[in-house]
Amino acid sequence: MEPFRVHTGVVAPLDQADIDTDQIIPKQFLKSVSREGYGDFLFHDWRTEEGGAINPAFILNREPYKGASILLAGRNFGCGSSREHAAWALRDFGFRAILAPSFADIFRENADQNGLAALSLEESVVRELLARAHNEAPLRLTVDLEQCTVADSSTLVASFEIDDFRKMCLLEGLDRIGLTLRQAEAISSFEQQRWPNRPEVAPESF
């Protein structure tokens, strides 16, 4: 998994609360266990019009937000059904960080497992940034996970809190498998010691 330490990118403002996982990646596209390719279907029902034409009014289809790598959204982002594909789609599209007042717990966990920094800011700060992202486009922000700060080109915009374990995993690019592999030597040692002493029940004929 790609580590997340410091990232600078263009902000795309999506001023809506309660964006659920079916809006992020509609269920009809959940046909693969590969993490690649889902970016094409991110926010499909908003990015496209009936018949499949591109919706020119949607924020991610407009300049200068094309190619944005930081998504700014309303509270309770990622609510709804649990589907890791939502995090896959956002990462595959090119997003590295999402800033919102709050997130659904399962979505945030899935984001962590895919190197996508889902970071909570005060709602007043998010409202201010949403306005700036429209009025000062393209607004570029730097998200510094090591310092737990968000800044523009000249000033500190906000600080955020993140628990130490989440922070460590994102900084070091560790998902659950990576965490387990870190203990490979200890696991191997345990298995070698356990094997000769494990209880066995054999038939009497043996």
N, C-alpha and C. Protein backbone atom coordinates (compact mmCIF):
# COMPACT_ATOMS: atom_id res chain seq x y z
N MET A 1 0.84 -1.18 0.00
CA MET A 1 0.00 0.00 0.00
C MET A 1 0.88 1.24 0.00
N GLU A 2 0.51 2.23 -0.77
CA GLU A 2 1.30 3.46 -0.86
C GLU A 2 1.19 4.26 0.44
N PRO A 3 2.31 4.62 1.05
CA PRO A 3 2.25 5.42 2.27
C PRO A 3 1.66 6.80 2.00
N PHE A 4 1.09 7.38 3.03
CA PHE A 4 0.60 8.76 2.96
C PHE A 4 1.34 9.56 4.02
N ARG A 5 2.11 10.54 3.57
CA ARG A 5 2.82 11.40 4.51
C ARG A 5 2.41 12.86 4.31
N VAL A 6 2.82 13.43 3.21
CA VAL A 6 2.45 14.81 2.87
C VAL A 6 1.95 14.81 1.44
N HIS A 7 0.81 15.41 1.21
CA HIS A 7 0.26 15.46 -0.14
C HIS A 7 -0.27 16.85 -0.45
N THR A 8 0.09 17.36 -1.61
CA THR A 8 -0.42 18.65 -2.10
C THR A 8 -1.21 18.41 -3.37
N GLY A 9 -2.41 18.96 -3.43
CA GLY A 9 -3.23 18.75 -4.62
C GLY A 9 -4.37 19.74 -4.72
N VAL A 10 -5.03 19.70 -5.87
CA VAL A 10 -6.20 20.55 -6.12
C VAL A 10 -7.40 19.98 -5.37
N VAL A 11 -8.20 20.87 -4.82
CA VAL A 11 -9.38 20.49 -4.05
C VAL A 11 -10.62 20.51 -4.93
N ALA A 12 -11.40 19.44 -4.87
CA ALA A 12 -12.71 19.38 -5.54
C ALA A 12 -13.79 19.49 -4.47
N PRO A 13 -14.64 20.53 -4.53
CA PRO A 13 -15.68 20.69 -3.52
C PRO A 13 -16.96 19.95 -3.89
N LEU A 14 -17.41 19.07 -3.02
CA LEU A 14 -18.65 18.34 -3.23
C LEU A 14 -19.54 18.64 -2.02
N ASP A 15 -20.28 19.72 -2.14
CA ASP A 15 -21.01 20.29 -1.01
C ASP A 15 -22.32 19.54 -0.77
N GLN A 16 -22.18 18.36 -0.19
CA GLN A 16 -23.36 17.55 0.10
C GLN A 16 -23.06 16.65 1.28
N ALA A 17 -24.03 16.51 2.17
CA ALA A 17 -23.89 15.62 3.31
C ALA A 17 -24.48 14.25 2.99
N ASP A 18 -24.10 13.26 3.78
CA ASP A 18 -24.67 11.91 3.69
C ASP A 18 -24.48 11.29 2.31
N ILE A 19 -23.32 11.49 1.72
CA ILE A 19 -23.01 10.83 0.45
C ILE A 19 -22.74 9.37 0.74
N ASP A 20 -23.59 8.49 0.22
CA ASP A 20 -23.47 7.08 0.59
C ASP A 20 -22.65 6.30 -0.43
N THR A 21 -22.35 5.06 -0.07
CA THR A 21 -21.46 4.26 -0.91
C THR A 21 -22.08 3.90 -2.25
N ASP A 22 -23.41 3.86 -2.34
CA ASP A 22 -24.04 3.57 -3.62
C ASP A 22 -23.95 4.77 -4.55
N GLN A 23 -23.86 5.96 -4.00
CA GLN A 23 -23.62 7.14 -4.83
C GLN A 23 -22.16 7.21 -5.24
N ILE A 24 -21.28 6.77 -4.36
CA ILE A 24 -19.85 6.77 -4.69
C ILE A 24 -19.56 5.76 -5.79
N ILE A 25 -20.07 4.54 -5.66
CA ILE A 25 -19.88 3.50 -6.68
C ILE A 25 -21.14 2.65 -6.72
N PRO A 26 -22.00 2.86 -7.71
CA PRO A 26 -23.27 2.13 -7.79
C PRO A 26 -23.07 0.62 -7.84
N LYS A 27 -24.02 -0.08 -7.27
CA LYS A 27 -23.90 -1.53 -7.06
C LYS A 27 -23.73 -2.32 -8.34
N GLN A 28 -24.27 -1.83 -9.47
CA GLN A 28 -24.21 -2.62 -10.70
C GLN A 28 -22.79 -2.75 -11.25
N PHE A 29 -21.86 -1.96 -10.71
CA PHE A 29 -20.48 -2.02 -11.19
C PHE A 29 -19.57 -2.87 -10.30
N LEU A 30 -20.13 -3.49 -9.28
CA LEU A 30 -19.31 -4.26 -8.35
C LEU A 30 -19.12 -5.68 -8.86
N LYS A 31 -18.37 -5.81 -9.93
CA LYS A 31 -18.25 -7.09 -10.62
C LYS A 31 -16.84 -7.65 -10.61
N SER A 32 -15.93 -7.01 -9.92
CA SER A 32 -14.54 -7.45 -9.95
C SER A 32 -13.94 -7.35 -8.56
N VAL A 33 -12.99 -8.24 -8.27
CA VAL A 33 -12.26 -8.17 -7.00
C VAL A 33 -10.93 -7.45 -7.18
N SER A 34 -10.67 -6.97 -8.39
CA SER A 34 -9.48 -6.15 -8.63
C SER A 34 -9.77 -4.73 -8.17
N ARG A 35 -8.76 -4.08 -7.62
CA ARG A 35 -8.94 -2.71 -7.15
C ARG A 35 -8.85 -1.70 -8.29
N GLU A 36 -8.45 -2.13 -9.44
CA GLU A 36 -8.24 -1.22 -10.57
C GLU A 36 -9.48 -1.15 -11.46
N GLY A 37 -9.69 0.00 -12.06
CA GLY A 37 -10.76 0.18 -13.02
C GLY A 37 -12.02 0.80 -12.48
N TYR A 38 -12.15 0.88 -11.16
CA TYR A 38 -13.38 1.41 -10.58
C TYR A 38 -13.47 2.93 -10.67
N GLY A 39 -12.35 3.60 -10.91
CA GLY A 39 -12.39 5.05 -11.05
C GLY A 39 -13.30 5.51 -12.17
N ASP A 40 -13.45 4.68 -13.19
CA ASP A 40 -14.32 5.03 -14.32
C ASP A 40 -15.78 5.16 -13.90
N PHE A 41 -16.14 4.52 -12.79
CA PHE A 41 -17.54 4.50 -12.36
C PHE A 41 -17.79 5.32 -11.09
N LEU A 42 -16.77 6.05 -10.63
CA LEU A 42 -16.92 6.88 -9.45
C LEU A 42 -18.01 7.93 -9.67
N PHE A 43 -18.95 8.02 -8.73
CA PHE A 43 -20.06 8.97 -8.83
C PHE A 43 -20.76 8.88 -10.18
N HIS A 44 -20.91 7.65 -10.66
CA HIS A 44 -21.41 7.44 -12.02
C HIS A 44 -22.73 8.15 -12.30
N ASP A 45 -23.67 8.06 -11.38
CA ASP A 45 -25.00 8.63 -11.64
C ASP A 45 -25.00 10.15 -11.61
N TRP A 46 -23.96 10.74 -11.06
CA TRP A 46 -23.82 12.20 -11.07
C TRP A 46 -22.93 12.66 -12.22
N ARG A 47 -21.92 11.87 -12.55
CA ARG A 47 -20.99 12.27 -13.60
C ARG A 47 -21.57 12.10 -14.99
N THR A 48 -22.57 11.24 -15.13
CA THR A 48 -23.15 10.99 -16.45
C THR A 48 -24.64 11.30 -16.46
N GLU A 49 -25.13 11.64 -17.64
CA GLU A 49 -26.55 11.89 -17.83
C GLU A 49 -27.21 10.62 -18.35
N GLU A 50 -28.52 10.65 -18.44
CA GLU A 50 -29.24 9.50 -18.99
C GLU A 50 -28.77 9.26 -20.42
N GLY A 51 -28.44 8.02 -20.71
CA GLY A 51 -27.89 7.69 -22.01
C GLY A 51 -26.38 7.58 -22.01
N GLY A 52 -25.75 8.01 -20.91
CA GLY A 52 -24.31 7.84 -20.77
C GLY A 52 -23.46 9.04 -21.11
N ALA A 53 -24.08 10.14 -21.55
CA ALA A 53 -23.30 11.33 -21.88
C ALA A 53 -22.74 11.96 -20.60
N ILE A 54 -21.59 12.60 -20.74
CA ILE A 54 -20.96 13.28 -19.61
C ILE A 54 -21.83 14.44 -19.15
N ASN A 55 -22.03 14.55 -17.86
CA ASN A 55 -22.79 15.66 -17.29
C ASN A 55 -21.84 16.85 -17.08
N PRO A 56 -21.93 17.88 -17.91
CA PRO A 56 -20.97 18.99 -17.82
C PRO A 56 -21.11 19.81 -16.55
N ALA A 57 -22.23 19.67 -15.85
CA ALA A 57 -22.45 20.47 -14.64
C ALA A 57 -21.80 19.86 -13.41
N PHE A 58 -21.48 18.56 -13.46
CA PHE A 58 -20.93 17.91 -12.26
C PHE A 58 -19.51 18.39 -12.02
N ILE A 59 -19.20 18.59 -10.75
CA ILE A 59 -17.95 19.26 -10.38
C ILE A 59 -16.71 18.57 -10.92
N LEU A 60 -16.68 17.24 -10.93
CA LEU A 60 -15.47 16.53 -11.38
C LEU A 60 -15.33 16.51 -12.89
N ASN A 61 -16.36 16.96 -13.60
CA ASN A 61 -16.27 17.06 -15.06
C ASN A 61 -15.90 18.46 -15.52
N ARG A 62 -15.66 19.36 -14.58
CA ARG A 62 -15.41 20.76 -14.91
C ARG A 62 -13.97 21.15 -14.59
N GLU A 63 -13.45 22.04 -15.41
CA GLU A 63 -12.17 22.65 -15.08
C GLU A 63 -12.41 23.69 -13.99
N PRO A 64 -11.50 23.87 -13.08
CA PRO A 64 -10.18 23.25 -12.97
C PRO A 64 -10.16 22.05 -12.03
N TYR A 65 -11.31 21.41 -11.84
CA TYR A 65 -11.40 20.33 -10.84
C TYR A 65 -11.03 18.96 -11.41
N LYS A 66 -10.94 18.86 -12.74
CA LYS A 66 -10.48 17.61 -13.31
C LYS A 66 -9.06 17.35 -12.81
N GLY A 67 -8.83 16.16 -12.37
CA GLY A 67 -7.50 15.84 -11.85
C GLY A 67 -7.30 16.21 -10.40
N ALA A 68 -8.37 16.64 -9.72
CA ALA A 68 -8.25 16.95 -8.29
C ALA A 68 -7.88 15.69 -7.52
N SER A 69 -7.10 15.88 -6.46
CA SER A 69 -6.67 14.72 -5.66
C SER A 69 -7.09 14.83 -4.19
N ILE A 70 -7.75 15.94 -3.85
CA ILE A 70 -8.30 16.12 -2.50
C ILE A 70 -9.78 16.42 -2.65
N LEU A 71 -10.61 15.60 -2.03
CA LEU A 71 -12.06 15.77 -2.10
C LEU A 71 -12.55 16.40 -0.80
N LEU A 72 -13.36 17.43 -0.94
CA LEU A 72 -13.95 18.13 0.20
C LEU A 72 -15.44 17.86 0.19
N ALA A 73 -15.98 17.35 1.28
CA ALA A 73 -17.38 16.91 1.27
C ALA A 73 -18.05 17.23 2.60
N GLY A 74 -19.38 16.98 2.63
CA GLY A 74 -20.17 17.22 3.83
C GLY A 74 -20.06 16.08 4.83
N ARG A 75 -20.77 16.25 5.91
CA ARG A 75 -20.68 15.30 7.03
C ARG A 75 -21.23 13.92 6.64
N ASN A 76 -20.80 12.92 7.40
CA ASN A 76 -21.26 11.54 7.26
C ASN A 76 -20.94 10.96 5.88
N PHE A 77 -19.77 11.28 5.37
CA PHE A 77 -19.36 10.78 4.06
C PHE A 77 -19.14 9.28 4.14
N GLY A 78 -19.61 8.57 3.11
CA GLY A 78 -19.39 7.12 3.02
C GLY A 78 -20.38 6.30 3.82
N CYS A 79 -21.54 6.87 4.14
CA CYS A 79 -22.56 6.11 4.86
C CYS A 79 -23.19 5.07 3.93
N GLY A 80 -24.10 4.28 4.46
CA GLY A 80 -24.75 3.26 3.64
C GLY A 80 -24.07 1.91 3.78
N SER A 81 -24.23 1.09 2.76
CA SER A 81 -23.72 -0.28 2.83
C SER A 81 -22.20 -0.31 2.86
N SER A 82 -21.67 -1.36 3.46
CA SER A 82 -20.23 -1.53 3.53
C SER A 82 -19.73 -2.12 2.22
N ARG A 83 -18.95 -1.36 1.49
CA ARG A 83 -18.32 -1.88 0.26
C ARG A 83 -16.96 -1.22 0.10
N GLU A 84 -15.93 -2.03 0.14
CA GLU A 84 -14.58 -1.50 -0.01
C GLU A 84 -14.37 -0.90 -1.39
N HIS A 85 -15.23 -1.29 -2.34
CA HIS A 85 -15.13 -0.74 -3.69
C HIS A 85 -15.23 0.78 -3.70
N ALA A 86 -15.91 1.37 -2.71
CA ALA A 86 -16.02 2.83 -2.66
C ALA A 86 -14.64 3.46 -2.49
N ALA A 87 -13.85 2.89 -1.59
CA ALA A 87 -12.48 3.38 -1.41
C ALA A 87 -11.64 3.09 -2.65
N TRP A 88 -11.83 1.92 -3.24
CA TRP A 88 -11.09 1.58 -4.46
C TRP A 88 -11.37 2.59 -5.57
N ALA A 89 -12.64 2.95 -5.74
CA ALA A 89 -13.02 3.87 -6.81
C ALA A 89 -12.40 5.25 -6.60
N LEU A 90 -12.43 5.74 -5.38
CA LEU A 90 -11.85 7.05 -5.09
C LEU A 90 -10.34 7.04 -5.32
N ARG A 91 -9.66 5.99 -4.90
CA ARG A 91 -8.21 5.91 -5.12
C ARG A 91 -7.89 5.75 -6.60
N ASP A 92 -8.64 4.92 -7.29
CA ASP A 92 -8.37 4.68 -8.70
C ASP A 92 -8.62 5.94 -9.53
N PHE A 93 -9.54 6.78 -9.08
CA PHE A 93 -9.81 8.04 -9.77
C PHE A 93 -8.68 9.04 -9.56
N GLY A 94 -7.95 8.88 -8.48
CA GLY A 94 -6.81 9.75 -8.22
C GLY A 94 -6.84 10.51 -6.91
N PHE A 95 -7.86 10.26 -6.08
CA PHE A 95 -7.93 10.96 -4.80
C PHE A 95 -6.98 10.32 -3.79
N ARG A 96 -6.30 11.18 -3.04
CA ARG A 96 -5.43 10.71 -1.95
C ARG A 96 -5.98 11.07 -0.59
N ALA A 97 -6.82 12.11 -0.52
CA ALA A 97 -7.36 12.53 0.77
C ALA A 97 -8.79 13.01 0.60
N ILE A 98 -9.59 12.78 1.64
CA ILE A 98 -10.95 13.30 1.72
C ILE A 98 -11.06 14.07 3.02
N LEU A 99 -11.54 15.30 2.93
CA LEU A 99 -11.72 16.14 4.10
C LEU A 99 -13.20 16.38 4.29
N ALA A 100 -13.70 16.07 5.47
CA ALA A 100 -15.13 16.21 5.76
C ALA A 100 -15.30 16.34 7.27
N PRO A 101 -16.47 16.83 7.71
CA PRO A 101 -16.70 16.93 9.15
C PRO A 101 -16.76 15.56 9.84
N SER A 102 -17.26 14.56 9.13
CA SER A 102 -17.36 13.22 9.73
C SER A 102 -17.49 12.18 8.64
N PHE A 103 -17.21 10.93 9.01
CA PHE A 103 -17.26 9.81 8.08
C PHE A 103 -17.99 8.64 8.72
N ALA A 104 -18.59 7.80 7.88
CA ALA A 104 -19.09 6.52 8.37
C ALA A 104 -17.90 5.68 8.80
N ASP A 105 -18.02 5.00 9.93
CA ASP A 105 -16.88 4.27 10.50
C ASP A 105 -16.32 3.22 9.55
N ILE A 106 -17.21 2.45 8.92
CA ILE A 106 -16.73 1.37 8.06
C ILE A 106 -16.04 1.94 6.83
N PHE A 107 -16.58 3.03 6.27
CA PHE A 107 -15.92 3.64 5.12
C PHE A 107 -14.52 4.11 5.51
N ARG A 108 -14.41 4.76 6.65
CA ARG A 108 -13.09 5.27 7.06
C ARG A 108 -12.10 4.12 7.23
N GLU A 109 -12.56 3.01 7.78
CA GLU A 109 -11.69 1.84 7.92
C GLU A 109 -11.25 1.33 6.55
N ASN A 110 -12.18 1.26 5.60
CA ASN A 110 -11.84 0.81 4.25
C ASN A 110 -10.87 1.79 3.59
N ALA A 111 -11.07 3.07 3.83
CA ALA A 111 -10.15 4.07 3.28
C ALA A 111 -8.74 3.86 3.82
N ASP A 112 -8.64 3.66 5.13
CA ASP A 112 -7.34 3.42 5.75
C ASP A 112 -6.63 2.22 5.12
N GLN A 113 -7.39 1.18 4.81
CA GLN A 113 -6.81 -0.05 4.27
C GLN A 113 -6.35 0.12 2.83
N ASN A 114 -6.64 1.28 2.23
CA ASN A 114 -6.26 1.51 0.84
C ASN A 114 -5.44 2.78 0.65
N GLY A 115 -4.87 3.28 1.74
CA GLY A 115 -4.00 4.45 1.63
C GLY A 115 -4.72 5.73 1.29
N LEU A 116 -6.01 5.78 1.58
CA LEU A 116 -6.82 6.97 1.33
C LEU A 116 -7.06 7.65 2.67
N ALA A 117 -6.55 8.86 2.84
CA ALA A 117 -6.65 9.55 4.13
C ALA A 117 -8.01 10.22 4.26
N ALA A 118 -8.87 9.67 5.11
CA ALA A 118 -10.19 10.25 5.39
C ALA A 118 -10.08 11.01 6.71
N LEU A 119 -10.01 12.33 6.63
CA LEU A 119 -9.66 13.15 7.78
C LEU A 119 -10.79 14.10 8.13
N SER A 120 -11.10 14.15 9.41
CA SER A 120 -12.21 14.98 9.89
C SER A 120 -11.71 16.37 10.29
N LEU A 121 -12.40 17.40 9.76
CA LEU A 121 -12.14 18.78 10.13
C LEU A 121 -13.41 19.36 10.75
N GLU A 122 -13.25 20.44 11.50
CA GLU A 122 -14.42 21.12 12.04
C GLU A 122 -15.34 21.56 10.90
N GLU A 123 -16.64 21.46 11.14
CA GLU A 123 -17.59 21.78 10.07
C GLU A 123 -17.45 23.22 9.59
N SER A 124 -17.15 24.14 10.49
CA SER A 124 -16.97 25.54 10.08
C SER A 124 -15.78 25.69 9.14
N VAL A 125 -14.73 24.90 9.37
CA VAL A 125 -13.55 24.93 8.49
C VAL A 125 -13.91 24.37 7.12
N VAL A 126 -14.66 23.28 7.11
CA VAL A 126 -15.08 22.67 5.84
C VAL A 126 -15.94 23.65 5.05
N ARG A 127 -16.86 24.36 5.73
CA ARG A 127 -17.71 25.32 5.03
C ARG A 127 -16.86 26.42 4.40
N GLU A 128 -15.88 26.89 5.13
CA GLU A 128 -15.00 27.94 4.59
C GLU A 128 -14.21 27.42 3.39
N LEU A 129 -13.70 26.21 3.49
CA LEU A 129 -12.93 25.65 2.39
C LEU A 129 -13.79 25.38 1.17
N LEU A 130 -15.03 24.96 1.38
CA LEU A 130 -15.94 24.76 0.24
C LEU A 130 -16.12 26.06 -0.53
N ALA A 131 -16.32 27.15 0.20
CA ALA A 131 -16.48 28.45 -0.45
C ALA A 131 -15.21 28.85 -1.19
N ARG A 132 -14.07 28.64 -0.55
CA ARG A 132 -12.80 29.00 -1.19
C ARG A 132 -12.53 28.14 -2.42
N ALA A 133 -12.89 26.87 -2.36
CA ALA A 133 -12.65 25.98 -3.50
C ALA A 133 -13.45 26.42 -4.72
N HIS A 134 -14.59 27.05 -4.51
CA HIS A 134 -15.37 27.60 -5.62
C HIS A 134 -14.83 28.96 -6.05
N ASN A 135 -14.53 29.82 -5.10
CA ASN A 135 -14.19 31.21 -5.40
C ASN A 135 -12.73 31.42 -5.77
N GLU A 136 -11.86 30.51 -5.33
CA GLU A 136 -10.43 30.66 -5.58
C GLU A 136 -9.89 29.51 -6.42
N ALA A 137 -10.74 28.89 -7.20
CA ALA A 137 -10.33 27.71 -7.97
C ALA A 137 -9.22 28.06 -8.97
N PRO A 138 -8.23 27.17 -9.10
CA PRO A 138 -8.07 25.94 -8.33
C PRO A 138 -7.39 26.18 -6.98
N LEU A 139 -8.07 25.78 -5.94
CA LEU A 139 -7.50 25.86 -4.59
C LEU A 139 -6.62 24.64 -4.36
N ARG A 140 -5.38 24.90 -4.00
CA ARG A 140 -4.44 23.81 -3.70
C ARG A 140 -4.16 23.79 -2.20
N LEU A 141 -4.27 22.63 -1.63
CA LEU A 141 -4.00 22.45 -0.21
C LEU A 141 -2.91 21.40 -0.01
N THR A 142 -2.23 21.52 1.10
CA THR A 142 -1.24 20.52 1.50
C THR A 142 -1.73 19.84 2.77
N VAL A 143 -1.90 18.53 2.69
CA VAL A 143 -2.29 17.74 3.85
C VAL A 143 -1.03 17.06 4.39
N ASP A 144 -0.66 17.43 5.59
CA ASP A 144 0.55 16.91 6.22
C ASP A 144 0.13 15.98 7.36
N LEU A 145 0.22 14.68 7.11
CA LEU A 145 -0.21 13.71 8.11
C LEU A 145 0.76 13.65 9.28
N GLU A 146 2.03 13.88 9.01
CA GLU A 146 3.01 13.84 10.08
C GLU A 146 2.76 14.94 11.10
N GLN A 147 2.39 16.13 10.61
CA GLN A 147 2.13 17.27 11.50
C GLN A 147 0.65 17.44 11.84
N CYS A 148 -0.21 16.65 11.18
CA CYS A 148 -1.67 16.74 11.38
C CYS A 148 -2.19 18.13 11.06
N THR A 149 -1.79 18.64 9.90
CA THR A 149 -2.21 19.98 9.49
C THR A 149 -2.68 19.99 8.05
N VAL A 150 -3.51 21.00 7.75
CA VAL A 150 -3.93 21.31 6.38
C VAL A 150 -3.56 22.76 6.15
N ALA A 151 -2.87 23.04 5.04
CA ALA A 151 -2.42 24.40 4.78
C ALA A 151 -2.60 24.74 3.31
N ASP A 152 -2.75 26.04 3.03
CA ASP A 152 -2.71 26.49 1.65
C ASP A 152 -1.27 26.91 1.36
N SER A 153 -1.07 27.68 0.30
CA SER A 153 0.30 28.01 -0.10
C SER A 153 1.02 28.93 0.87
N SER A 154 0.25 29.59 1.75
CA SER A 154 0.90 30.57 2.62
C SER A 154 0.58 30.43 4.10
N THR A 155 -0.55 29.83 4.44
CA THR A 155 -0.95 29.81 5.85
C THR A 155 -1.52 28.46 6.26
N LEU A 156 -1.48 28.22 7.56
CA LEU A 156 -2.12 27.05 8.15
C LEU A 156 -3.63 27.25 8.11
N VAL A 157 -4.33 26.28 7.57
CA VAL A 157 -5.79 26.36 7.47
C VAL A 157 -6.44 25.69 8.66
N ALA A 158 -5.96 24.51 9.02
CA ALA A 158 -6.59 23.76 10.10
C ALA A 158 -5.65 22.68 10.61
N SER A 159 -5.94 22.22 11.81
CA SER A 159 -5.30 21.03 12.37
C SER A 159 -6.37 19.96 12.53
N PHE A 160 -5.95 18.72 12.55
CA PHE A 160 -6.90 17.63 12.73
C PHE A 160 -6.33 16.61 13.70
N GLU A 161 -7.21 15.79 14.24
CA GLU A 161 -6.81 14.73 15.15
C GLU A 161 -6.97 13.38 14.47
N ILE A 162 -6.06 12.48 14.77
CA ILE A 162 -6.13 11.12 14.25
C ILE A 162 -5.44 10.21 15.27
N ASP A 163 -6.02 9.06 15.53
CA ASP A 163 -5.42 8.21 16.56
C ASP A 163 -4.08 7.65 16.06
N ASP A 164 -3.23 7.32 17.01
CA ASP A 164 -1.85 6.96 16.70
C ASP A 164 -1.75 5.74 15.79
N PHE A 165 -2.63 4.76 15.98
CA PHE A 165 -2.55 3.54 15.18
C PHE A 165 -2.90 3.82 13.72
N ARG A 166 -4.00 4.55 13.49
CA ARG A 166 -4.37 4.92 12.12
C ARG A 166 -3.24 5.71 11.46
N LYS A 167 -2.71 6.65 12.19
CA LYS A 167 -1.65 7.50 11.66
C LYS A 167 -0.43 6.67 11.26
N MET A 168 -0.01 5.76 12.14
CA MET A 168 1.14 4.91 11.85
C MET A 168 0.92 4.08 10.60
N CYS A 169 -0.27 3.48 10.48
CA CYS A 169 -0.55 2.63 9.32
C CYS A 169 -0.51 3.42 8.02
N LEU A 170 -1.10 4.61 8.02
CA LEU A 170 -1.09 5.43 6.81
C LEU A 170 0.32 5.91 6.48
N LEU A 171 1.06 6.36 7.49
CA LEU A 171 2.41 6.85 7.26
C LEU A 171 3.32 5.76 6.70
N GLU A 172 3.13 4.54 7.17
CA GLU A 172 4.02 3.44 6.76
C GLU A 172 3.44 2.59 5.65
N GLY A 173 2.21 2.91 5.20
CA GLY A 173 1.61 2.16 4.11
C GLY A 173 1.28 0.73 4.48
N LEU A 174 0.68 0.55 5.64
CA LEU A 174 0.39 -0.80 6.14
C LEU A 174 -1.11 -1.05 6.19
N ASP A 175 -1.55 -2.08 5.47
CA ASP A 175 -2.91 -2.57 5.64
C ASP A 175 -2.84 -3.77 6.59
N ARG A 176 -3.94 -4.51 6.73
CA ARG A 176 -3.95 -5.63 7.68
C ARG A 176 -2.93 -6.70 7.29
N ILE A 177 -2.82 -6.96 5.99
CA ILE A 177 -1.85 -7.96 5.54
C ILE A 177 -0.43 -7.49 5.84
N GLY A 178 -0.17 -6.22 5.57
CA GLY A 178 1.15 -5.68 5.86
C GLY A 178 1.50 -5.75 7.33
N LEU A 179 0.51 -5.45 8.17
CA LEU A 179 0.74 -5.55 9.62
C LEU A 179 1.06 -6.98 10.03
N THR A 180 0.35 -7.93 9.44
CA THR A 180 0.59 -9.34 9.76
C THR A 180 1.99 -9.77 9.31
N LEU A 181 2.36 -9.37 8.09
CA LEU A 181 3.67 -9.77 7.57
C LEU A 181 4.82 -9.19 8.38
N ARG A 182 4.57 -8.08 9.05
CA ARG A 182 5.59 -7.52 9.93
C ARG A 182 5.95 -8.48 11.06
N GLN A 183 5.01 -9.35 11.39
CA GLN A 183 5.22 -10.30 12.47
C GLN A 183 5.53 -11.70 11.95
N ALA A 184 5.96 -11.79 10.69
CA ALA A 184 6.17 -13.10 10.07
C ALA A 184 7.17 -13.95 10.85
N GLU A 185 8.24 -13.34 11.32
CA GLU A 185 9.26 -14.10 12.05
C GLU A 185 8.70 -14.63 13.37
N ALA A 186 7.95 -13.80 14.08
CA ALA A 186 7.36 -14.23 15.35
C ALA A 186 6.32 -15.32 15.12
N ILE A 187 5.54 -15.20 14.05
CA ILE A 187 4.53 -16.22 13.74
C ILE A 187 5.21 -17.54 13.41
N SER A 188 6.27 -17.48 12.61
CA SER A 188 7.00 -18.70 12.25
C SER A 188 7.61 -19.36 13.48
N SER A 189 8.17 -18.54 14.37
CA SER A 189 8.76 -19.08 15.59
C SER A 189 7.70 -19.75 16.47
N PHE A 190 6.54 -19.12 16.57
CA PHE A 190 5.45 -19.70 17.36
C PHE A 190 5.01 -21.04 16.79
N GLU A 191 4.86 -21.11 15.47
CA GLU A 191 4.41 -22.35 14.84
C GLU A 191 5.43 -23.47 15.04
N GLN A 192 6.71 -23.13 14.96
CA GLN A 192 7.74 -24.15 15.15
C GLN A 192 7.75 -24.69 16.57
N GLN A 193 7.48 -23.81 17.54
CA GLN A 193 7.45 -24.25 18.93
C GLN A 193 6.16 -25.00 19.25
N ARG A 194 5.08 -24.60 18.60
CA ARG A 194 3.79 -25.20 18.89
C ARG A 194 3.67 -26.60 18.32
N TRP A 195 4.23 -26.82 17.15
CA TRP A 195 4.01 -28.07 16.42
C TRP A 195 4.40 -29.31 17.22
N PRO A 196 5.60 -29.39 17.83
CA PRO A 196 5.97 -30.64 18.55
C PRO A 196 5.10 -30.89 19.78
N ASN A 197 4.49 -29.85 20.31
CA ASN A 197 3.74 -30.00 21.56
C ASN A 197 2.23 -29.99 21.37
N ARG A 198 1.78 -29.96 20.13
CA ARG A 198 0.34 -29.88 19.92
C ARG A 198 -0.32 -31.20 20.29
N PRO A 199 -1.49 -31.16 20.89
CA PRO A 199 -2.17 -32.41 21.29
C PRO A 199 -2.65 -33.19 20.07
N GLU A 200 -2.60 -34.49 20.16
CA GLU A 200 -3.07 -35.35 19.08
C GLU A 200 -3.92 -36.47 19.66
N VAL A 201 -4.90 -36.88 18.92
CA VAL A 201 -5.71 -38.05 19.27
C VAL A 201 -5.61 -39.03 18.12
N ALA A 202 -5.03 -40.21 18.37
CA ALA A 202 -4.83 -41.20 17.31
C ALA A 202 -5.65 -42.44 17.62
N PRO A 203 -6.10 -43.17 16.59
CA PRO A 203 -6.82 -44.43 16.82
C PRO A 203 -5.95 -45.44 17.57
N GLU A 204 -6.59 -46.35 18.32
CA GLU A 204 -5.84 -47.33 19.12
C GLU A 204 -4.94 -48.21 18.26
N SER A 205 -5.34 -48.47 17.03
CA SER A 205 -4.53 -49.33 16.15
C SER A 205 -3.19 -48.71 15.83
N PHE A 206 -3.06 -47.40 16.04
CA PHE A 206 -1.79 -46.74 15.77
C PHE A 206 -0.84 -46.93 16.94
